[in-house]
Amino acid sequence: MNASIISINISAKKGERKKAVAEAVLRENYGIESDAHASETWHRQVSLLALESIDKMRAKGLKVGPGDFAENITTQGITLPTLPVGTKMTIGKDVEVEVTQIGKLCHARCAIYEQAGDCVMPREGIFVKVLKGGTIKTGDEVRLIRD
């Protein structure tokens, strides 16, 4: 099965739930236009989380879906947390990204953690920087670049 984008999610402010959009523009060395987390000054320009990870939380009884973990891109068909830092991927026709971080430290317990006693984003979410910009849309293929 090919890996693909299930959902693209953005928010105007940090700390709020992201809303799904049909497509988004990624700018080189910046991130997703109109998303609060985009920045030229850090390595976590875009976040990704697999639907398979969200399904783990659903199995614990949570009613959660794409964007509920504040990820920018929800994927299916690729095991994101096993990708080493430095892995390059293409998203859609034009966009190229590089993995910069696997997981993250949560400074405060989020609402998901409070409900389930666990949150998958700190362990299974990944972060990338944008090497080559372009437009992505729901359903686009995600491919690893093999050197």
N, C-alpha and C. Protein backbone atom coordinates (compact mmCIF):
# COMPACT_ATOMS: atom_id res chain seq x y z
N MET A 1 0.83 -1.19 0.00
CA MET A 1 0.00 0.00 0.00
C MET A 1 0.88 1.25 0.00
N ASN A 2 0.52 2.22 -0.80
CA ASN A 2 1.25 3.47 -0.84
C ASN A 2 0.85 4.35 0.33
N ALA A 3 1.79 5.12 0.82
CA ALA A 3 1.50 6.06 1.89
C ALA A 3 0.86 7.30 1.29
N SER A 4 -0.08 7.89 2.04
CA SER A 4 -0.76 9.06 1.53
C SER A 4 -1.19 9.99 2.67
N ILE A 5 -1.61 11.20 2.28
CA ILE A 5 -2.13 12.18 3.21
C ILE A 5 -3.61 11.91 3.44
N ILE A 6 -3.99 11.74 4.69
CA ILE A 6 -5.39 11.55 5.08
C ILE A 6 -6.03 12.90 5.39
N SER A 7 -5.24 13.80 6.02
CA SER A 7 -5.77 15.10 6.41
C SER A 7 -4.63 16.11 6.51
N ILE A 8 -4.94 17.37 6.15
CA ILE A 8 -4.02 18.49 6.33
C ILE A 8 -4.70 19.42 7.33
N ASN A 9 -3.96 19.81 8.38
CA ASN A 9 -4.57 20.53 9.50
C ASN A 9 -3.76 21.77 9.85
N ILE A 10 -4.45 22.90 10.03
CA ILE A 10 -3.77 24.14 10.39
C ILE A 10 -4.54 24.86 11.49
N SER A 11 -3.85 25.75 12.17
CA SER A 11 -4.49 26.62 13.16
C SER A 11 -3.82 27.99 13.12
N ALA A 12 -4.60 29.01 13.42
CA ALA A 12 -4.09 30.39 13.39
C ALA A 12 -3.25 30.69 14.63
N LYS A 13 -3.54 29.99 15.75
CA LYS A 13 -2.82 30.23 17.00
C LYS A 13 -2.28 28.92 17.54
N LYS A 14 -1.16 29.02 18.24
CA LYS A 14 -0.61 27.85 18.92
C LYS A 14 -1.53 27.50 20.09
N GLY A 15 -1.59 26.21 20.42
CA GLY A 15 -2.37 25.77 21.56
C GLY A 15 -3.84 25.57 21.28
N GLU A 16 -4.26 25.70 20.03
CA GLU A 16 -5.66 25.43 19.72
C GLU A 16 -5.76 24.26 18.76
N ARG A 17 -6.91 23.60 18.76
CA ARG A 17 -7.15 22.45 17.89
C ARG A 17 -7.04 22.89 16.43
N LYS A 18 -6.41 22.05 15.62
CA LYS A 18 -6.23 22.38 14.21
C LYS A 18 -7.47 21.99 13.41
N LYS A 19 -7.74 22.75 12.36
CA LYS A 19 -8.87 22.48 11.48
C LYS A 19 -8.38 21.92 10.16
N ALA A 20 -9.13 20.97 9.62
CA ALA A 20 -8.75 20.34 8.35
C ALA A 20 -8.99 21.29 7.19
N VAL A 21 -8.07 21.27 6.23
CA VAL A 21 -8.19 22.02 4.99
C VAL A 21 -7.92 21.05 3.84
N ALA A 22 -8.49 21.33 2.68
CA ALA A 22 -8.35 20.43 1.52
C ALA A 22 -6.94 20.46 0.94
N GLU A 23 -6.30 21.62 1.01
CA GLU A 23 -4.93 21.75 0.49
C GLU A 23 -4.21 22.84 1.26
N ALA A 24 -2.88 22.83 1.12
CA ALA A 24 -2.06 23.83 1.81
C ALA A 24 -0.80 24.09 1.01
N VAL A 25 -0.25 25.28 1.20
CA VAL A 25 1.00 25.65 0.56
C VAL A 25 2.11 25.55 1.60
N LEU A 26 3.16 24.77 1.26
CA LEU A 26 4.34 24.68 2.11
C LEU A 26 5.42 25.55 1.50
N ARG A 27 6.00 26.41 2.32
CA ARG A 27 7.08 27.28 1.85
C ARG A 27 8.42 26.74 2.32
N GLU A 28 9.38 26.78 1.43
CA GLU A 28 10.74 26.31 1.73
C GLU A 28 11.26 27.00 2.98
N ASN A 29 11.84 26.19 3.87
CA ASN A 29 12.45 26.64 5.12
C ASN A 29 11.50 27.50 5.95
N TYR A 30 10.21 27.18 5.90
CA TYR A 30 9.22 27.94 6.69
C TYR A 30 8.15 27.02 7.27
N GLY A 31 7.45 26.30 6.42
CA GLY A 31 6.36 25.43 6.89
C GLY A 31 5.10 25.69 6.10
N ILE A 32 3.95 25.45 6.73
CA ILE A 32 2.66 25.61 6.07
C ILE A 32 2.18 27.04 6.24
N GLU A 33 1.89 27.70 5.11
CA GLU A 33 1.36 29.06 5.18
C GLU A 33 0.07 29.06 5.99
N SER A 34 -0.12 30.06 6.80
CA SER A 34 -1.30 30.26 7.64
C SER A 34 -1.35 29.35 8.86
N ASP A 35 -0.28 28.61 9.15
CA ASP A 35 -0.25 27.79 10.36
C ASP A 35 0.62 28.45 11.42
N ALA A 36 0.14 28.45 12.65
CA ALA A 36 0.83 29.12 13.76
C ALA A 36 2.22 28.55 14.04
N HIS A 37 2.48 27.29 13.69
CA HIS A 37 3.77 26.68 14.01
C HIS A 37 4.83 26.89 12.94
N ALA A 38 4.47 27.47 11.81
CA ALA A 38 5.44 27.71 10.75
C ALA A 38 6.43 28.78 11.20
N SER A 39 7.71 28.56 10.90
CA SER A 39 8.73 29.52 11.30
C SER A 39 10.05 29.20 10.61
N GLU A 40 10.77 30.24 10.25
CA GLU A 40 12.10 30.04 9.67
C GLU A 40 13.15 29.81 10.75
N THR A 41 12.78 30.01 11.99
CA THR A 41 13.78 29.99 13.06
C THR A 41 13.90 28.68 13.80
N TRP A 42 13.14 27.65 13.40
CA TRP A 42 13.30 26.38 14.10
C TRP A 42 13.11 25.20 13.18
N HIS A 43 13.44 24.02 13.70
CA HIS A 43 13.49 22.81 12.89
C HIS A 43 12.17 22.05 12.86
N ARG A 44 11.19 22.47 13.65
CA ARG A 44 9.90 21.77 13.70
C ARG A 44 8.85 22.55 12.90
N GLN A 45 9.10 22.70 11.60
CA GLN A 45 8.24 23.53 10.76
C GLN A 45 6.89 22.88 10.47
N VAL A 46 6.87 21.55 10.31
CA VAL A 46 5.65 20.81 10.00
C VAL A 46 5.64 19.53 10.83
N SER A 47 4.47 19.20 11.40
CA SER A 47 4.37 17.97 12.18
C SER A 47 3.52 16.95 11.44
N LEU A 48 3.88 15.67 11.60
CA LEU A 48 3.16 14.57 10.96
C LEU A 48 2.83 13.51 12.01
N LEU A 49 1.66 12.91 11.87
CA LEU A 49 1.25 11.81 12.73
C LEU A 49 0.47 10.84 11.86
N ALA A 50 0.71 9.55 12.05
CA ALA A 50 0.04 8.53 11.24
C ALA A 50 -1.35 8.21 11.79
N LEU A 51 -2.27 7.95 10.89
CA LEU A 51 -3.61 7.51 11.28
C LEU A 51 -3.52 6.25 12.14
N GLU A 52 -2.54 5.41 11.85
CA GLU A 52 -2.35 4.19 12.64
C GLU A 52 -2.07 4.53 14.11
N SER A 53 -1.38 5.64 14.36
CA SER A 53 -1.13 6.08 15.74
C SER A 53 -2.42 6.59 16.38
N ILE A 54 -3.21 7.32 15.63
CA ILE A 54 -4.50 7.81 16.13
C ILE A 54 -5.40 6.62 16.47
N ASP A 55 -5.35 5.58 15.64
CA ASP A 55 -6.16 4.38 15.89
C ASP A 55 -5.81 3.72 17.22
N LYS A 56 -4.55 3.84 17.66
CA LYS A 56 -4.15 3.29 18.96
C LYS A 56 -4.91 4.00 20.08
N MET A 57 -5.09 5.30 19.93
CA MET A 57 -5.82 6.07 20.94
C MET A 57 -7.32 5.76 20.87
N ARG A 58 -7.83 5.55 19.67
CA ARG A 58 -9.23 5.16 19.51
C ARG A 58 -9.49 3.82 20.21
N ALA A 59 -8.51 2.93 20.12
CA ALA A 59 -8.65 1.61 20.75
C ALA A 59 -8.73 1.73 22.28
N LYS A 60 -8.26 2.86 22.83
CA LYS A 60 -8.36 3.10 24.28
C LYS A 60 -9.69 3.76 24.64
N GLY A 61 -10.55 3.92 23.62
CA GLY A 61 -11.88 4.46 23.88
C GLY A 61 -12.04 5.94 23.60
N LEU A 62 -11.00 6.59 23.11
CA LEU A 62 -11.10 8.03 22.83
C LEU A 62 -11.78 8.29 21.49
N LYS A 63 -12.57 9.34 21.45
CA LYS A 63 -13.18 9.76 20.19
C LYS A 63 -12.29 10.86 19.61
N VAL A 64 -11.25 10.44 18.90
CA VAL A 64 -10.28 11.38 18.33
C VAL A 64 -10.11 11.09 16.84
N GLY A 65 -9.60 12.07 16.14
CA GLY A 65 -9.38 11.91 14.71
C GLY A 65 -8.24 12.81 14.24
N PRO A 66 -8.04 12.88 12.94
CA PRO A 66 -6.98 13.72 12.38
C PRO A 66 -7.09 15.17 12.86
N GLY A 67 -5.95 15.73 13.25
CA GLY A 67 -5.88 17.10 13.72
C GLY A 67 -6.06 17.26 15.22
N ASP A 68 -6.62 16.25 15.88
CA ASP A 68 -6.86 16.35 17.32
C ASP A 68 -5.58 16.34 18.15
N PHE A 69 -4.48 15.89 17.55
CA PHE A 69 -3.20 15.87 18.25
C PHE A 69 -2.32 17.05 17.80
N ALA A 70 -2.93 18.01 17.11
CA ALA A 70 -2.28 19.23 16.62
C ALA A 70 -1.24 18.94 15.55
N GLU A 71 -1.36 17.79 14.88
CA GLU A 71 -0.45 17.51 13.77
C GLU A 71 -0.91 18.24 12.52
N ASN A 72 0.07 18.69 11.72
CA ASN A 72 -0.25 19.36 10.46
C ASN A 72 -0.70 18.39 9.38
N ILE A 73 -0.03 17.24 9.32
CA ILE A 73 -0.34 16.27 8.26
C ILE A 73 -0.58 14.91 8.91
N THR A 74 -1.75 14.35 8.62
CA THR A 74 -2.07 12.99 9.07
C THR A 74 -1.83 12.07 7.87
N THR A 75 -1.02 11.04 8.08
CA THR A 75 -0.67 10.12 6.99
C THR A 75 -1.28 8.75 7.24
N GLN A 76 -1.22 7.91 6.22
CA GLN A 76 -1.59 6.51 6.35
C GLN A 76 -0.65 5.69 5.48
N GLY A 77 -0.19 4.55 6.02
CA GLY A 77 0.62 3.65 5.23
C GLY A 77 2.12 3.81 5.38
N ILE A 78 2.56 4.63 6.32
CA ILE A 78 4.00 4.81 6.56
C ILE A 78 4.23 4.85 8.07
N THR A 79 5.21 4.10 8.55
CA THR A 79 5.50 4.03 9.98
C THR A 79 6.44 5.18 10.34
N LEU A 80 5.86 6.32 10.62
CA LEU A 80 6.63 7.55 10.82
C LEU A 80 7.69 7.48 11.91
N PRO A 81 7.40 6.97 13.12
CA PRO A 81 8.40 7.04 14.18
C PRO A 81 9.64 6.17 13.95
N THR A 82 9.62 5.31 12.93
CA THR A 82 10.80 4.49 12.66
C THR A 82 11.76 5.17 11.68
N LEU A 83 11.36 6.31 11.15
CA LEU A 83 12.21 7.01 10.19
C LEU A 83 13.32 7.75 10.93
N PRO A 84 14.57 7.53 10.55
CA PRO A 84 15.65 8.23 11.24
C PRO A 84 15.66 9.73 10.90
N VAL A 85 16.14 10.53 11.85
CA VAL A 85 16.36 11.95 11.58
C VAL A 85 17.26 12.03 10.35
N GLY A 86 16.94 12.94 9.43
CA GLY A 86 17.70 13.08 8.19
C GLY A 86 17.01 12.41 7.00
N THR A 87 15.99 11.57 7.26
CA THR A 87 15.24 10.94 6.17
C THR A 87 14.54 12.01 5.35
N LYS A 88 14.62 11.87 4.04
CA LYS A 88 13.95 12.82 3.15
C LYS A 88 12.75 12.13 2.50
N MET A 89 11.68 12.93 2.31
CA MET A 89 10.45 12.43 1.71
C MET A 89 9.92 13.46 0.72
N THR A 90 9.15 12.97 -0.24
CA THR A 90 8.38 13.86 -1.08
C THR A 90 6.91 13.73 -0.69
N ILE A 91 6.21 14.84 -0.77
CA ILE A 91 4.78 14.86 -0.49
C ILE A 91 4.12 15.50 -1.70
N GLY A 92 3.21 14.76 -2.32
CA GLY A 92 2.59 15.28 -3.54
C GLY A 92 3.59 15.34 -4.67
N LYS A 93 3.38 16.28 -5.58
CA LYS A 93 4.23 16.38 -6.77
C LYS A 93 5.52 17.14 -6.52
N ASP A 94 5.48 18.17 -5.68
CA ASP A 94 6.59 19.11 -5.61
C ASP A 94 7.33 19.18 -4.28
N VAL A 95 6.64 18.92 -3.19
CA VAL A 95 7.20 19.21 -1.87
C VAL A 95 8.22 18.16 -1.44
N GLU A 96 9.34 18.63 -0.89
CA GLU A 96 10.36 17.76 -0.33
C GLU A 96 10.63 18.23 1.09
N VAL A 97 10.65 17.26 2.03
CA VAL A 97 10.88 17.56 3.44
C VAL A 97 11.96 16.64 4.00
N GLU A 98 12.50 17.03 5.15
CA GLU A 98 13.51 16.22 5.84
C GLU A 98 13.12 16.09 7.31
N VAL A 99 13.17 14.85 7.81
CA VAL A 99 12.85 14.59 9.21
C VAL A 99 13.91 15.23 10.11
N THR A 100 13.44 16.05 11.07
CA THR A 100 14.35 16.74 11.98
C THR A 100 14.22 16.29 13.43
N GLN A 101 13.08 15.66 13.77
CA GLN A 101 12.87 15.23 15.16
C GLN A 101 11.80 14.15 15.19
N ILE A 102 12.01 13.16 16.04
CA ILE A 102 11.02 12.11 16.28
C ILE A 102 10.47 12.35 17.68
N GLY A 103 9.17 12.51 17.79
CA GLY A 103 8.54 12.74 19.08
C GLY A 103 8.89 14.10 19.65
N LYS A 104 8.34 14.37 20.81
CA LYS A 104 8.61 15.65 21.47
C LYS A 104 8.32 15.52 22.95
N LEU A 105 8.88 16.43 23.71
CA LEU A 105 8.62 16.50 25.13
C LEU A 105 7.36 17.33 25.34
N CYS A 106 6.41 16.79 26.05
CA CYS A 106 5.21 17.56 26.39
C CYS A 106 5.45 18.25 27.72
N HIS A 107 5.36 19.57 27.71
CA HIS A 107 5.62 20.34 28.93
C HIS A 107 4.44 20.30 29.89
N ALA A 108 3.23 20.16 29.34
CA ALA A 108 2.03 20.09 30.16
C ALA A 108 1.18 18.92 29.65
N ARG A 109 0.44 18.33 30.53
CA ARG A 109 -0.44 17.23 30.13
C ARG A 109 -1.61 17.80 29.32
N CYS A 110 -1.74 17.34 28.09
CA CYS A 110 -2.80 17.84 27.21
C CYS A 110 -4.14 17.19 27.57
N ALA A 111 -5.20 17.69 26.95
CA ALA A 111 -6.54 17.16 27.22
C ALA A 111 -6.62 15.67 26.86
N ILE A 112 -5.93 15.26 25.81
CA ILE A 112 -5.93 13.85 25.41
C ILE A 112 -5.32 13.00 26.53
N TYR A 113 -4.19 13.46 27.07
CA TYR A 113 -3.54 12.72 28.15
C TYR A 113 -4.46 12.63 29.37
N GLU A 114 -5.11 13.72 29.67
CA GLU A 114 -6.00 13.75 30.84
C GLU A 114 -7.16 12.75 30.67
N GLN A 115 -7.67 12.60 29.44
CA GLN A 115 -8.79 11.69 29.18
C GLN A 115 -8.35 10.23 29.19
N ALA A 116 -7.20 9.95 28.58
CA ALA A 116 -6.80 8.55 28.37
C ALA A 116 -5.65 8.09 29.23
N GLY A 117 -4.96 9.02 29.88
CA GLY A 117 -3.78 8.65 30.64
C GLY A 117 -2.59 8.40 29.73
N ASP A 118 -2.70 8.83 28.48
CA ASP A 118 -1.65 8.61 27.49
C ASP A 118 -1.89 9.56 26.32
N CYS A 119 -0.84 9.87 25.60
CA CYS A 119 -0.94 10.64 24.36
C CYS A 119 0.13 10.12 23.41
N VAL A 120 -0.24 9.89 22.17
CA VAL A 120 0.65 9.24 21.22
C VAL A 120 1.60 10.22 20.52
N MET A 121 1.23 11.48 20.43
CA MET A 121 2.05 12.45 19.68
C MET A 121 3.49 12.55 20.21
N PRO A 122 3.72 12.60 21.53
CA PRO A 122 5.11 12.72 21.99
C PRO A 122 6.01 11.56 21.58
N ARG A 123 5.46 10.38 21.35
CA ARG A 123 6.26 9.22 20.96
C ARG A 123 6.27 8.96 19.46
N GLU A 124 5.14 9.20 18.80
CA GLU A 124 4.99 8.74 17.42
C GLU A 124 4.84 9.86 16.39
N GLY A 125 4.70 11.08 16.85
CA GLY A 125 4.67 12.20 15.92
C GLY A 125 6.08 12.53 15.45
N ILE A 126 6.20 13.05 14.24
CA ILE A 126 7.52 13.47 13.75
C ILE A 126 7.44 14.90 13.25
N PHE A 127 8.60 15.51 13.14
CA PHE A 127 8.69 16.89 12.67
C PHE A 127 9.65 16.95 11.50
N VAL A 128 9.32 17.83 10.55
CA VAL A 128 10.14 17.98 9.36
C VAL A 128 10.37 19.45 9.06
N LYS A 129 11.44 19.71 8.31
CA LYS A 129 11.65 21.04 7.74
C LYS A 129 11.41 20.93 6.23
N VAL A 130 10.97 22.02 5.64
CA VAL A 130 10.63 22.03 4.22
C VAL A 130 11.87 22.39 3.40
N LEU A 131 12.31 21.45 2.56
CA LEU A 131 13.47 21.68 1.69
C LEU A 131 13.05 22.29 0.36
N LYS A 132 11.88 21.89 -0.13
CA LYS A 132 11.35 22.40 -1.40
C LYS A 132 9.85 22.58 -1.23
N GLY A 133 9.37 23.79 -1.47
CA GLY A 133 7.97 24.10 -1.24
C GLY A 133 7.05 23.70 -2.39
N GLY A 134 5.77 23.90 -2.15
CA GLY A 134 4.76 23.61 -3.15
C GLY A 134 3.41 23.40 -2.48
N THR A 135 2.43 22.99 -3.25
CA THR A 135 1.08 22.77 -2.74
C THR A 135 0.84 21.27 -2.54
N ILE A 136 0.23 20.95 -1.40
CA ILE A 136 -0.16 19.56 -1.12
C ILE A 136 -1.67 19.53 -0.94
N LYS A 137 -2.26 18.35 -1.18
CA LYS A 137 -3.70 18.20 -0.96
C LYS A 137 -3.99 16.82 -0.38
N THR A 138 -5.14 16.71 0.24
CA THR A 138 -5.57 15.43 0.80
C THR A 138 -5.54 14.37 -0.31
N GLY A 139 -5.00 13.20 0.02
CA GLY A 139 -4.90 12.11 -0.95
C GLY A 139 -3.55 12.03 -1.64
N ASP A 140 -2.73 13.09 -1.54
CA ASP A 140 -1.41 13.06 -2.17
C ASP A 140 -0.56 11.93 -1.58
N GLU A 141 0.32 11.41 -2.42
CA GLU A 141 1.23 10.34 -2.00
C GLU A 141 2.40 10.90 -1.20
N VAL A 142 2.85 10.13 -0.22
CA VAL A 142 4.04 10.43 0.57
C VAL A 142 5.05 9.33 0.25
N ARG A 143 6.24 9.74 -0.23
CA ARG A 143 7.25 8.76 -0.66
C ARG A 143 8.59 9.07 0.00
N LEU A 144 9.26 7.99 0.44
CA LEU A 144 10.62 8.14 0.96
C LEU A 144 11.56 8.33 -0.21
N ILE A 145 12.57 9.17 -0.03
CA ILE A 145 13.60 9.36 -1.05
C ILE A 145 14.75 8.44 -0.70
N ARG A 146 15.06 7.55 -1.58
CA ARG A 146 16.16 6.60 -1.36
C ARG A 146 17.41 7.15 -2.03
N ASP A 147 18.48 7.27 -1.24
CA ASP A 147 19.75 7.77 -1.79
C ASP A 147 20.45 6.71 -2.60
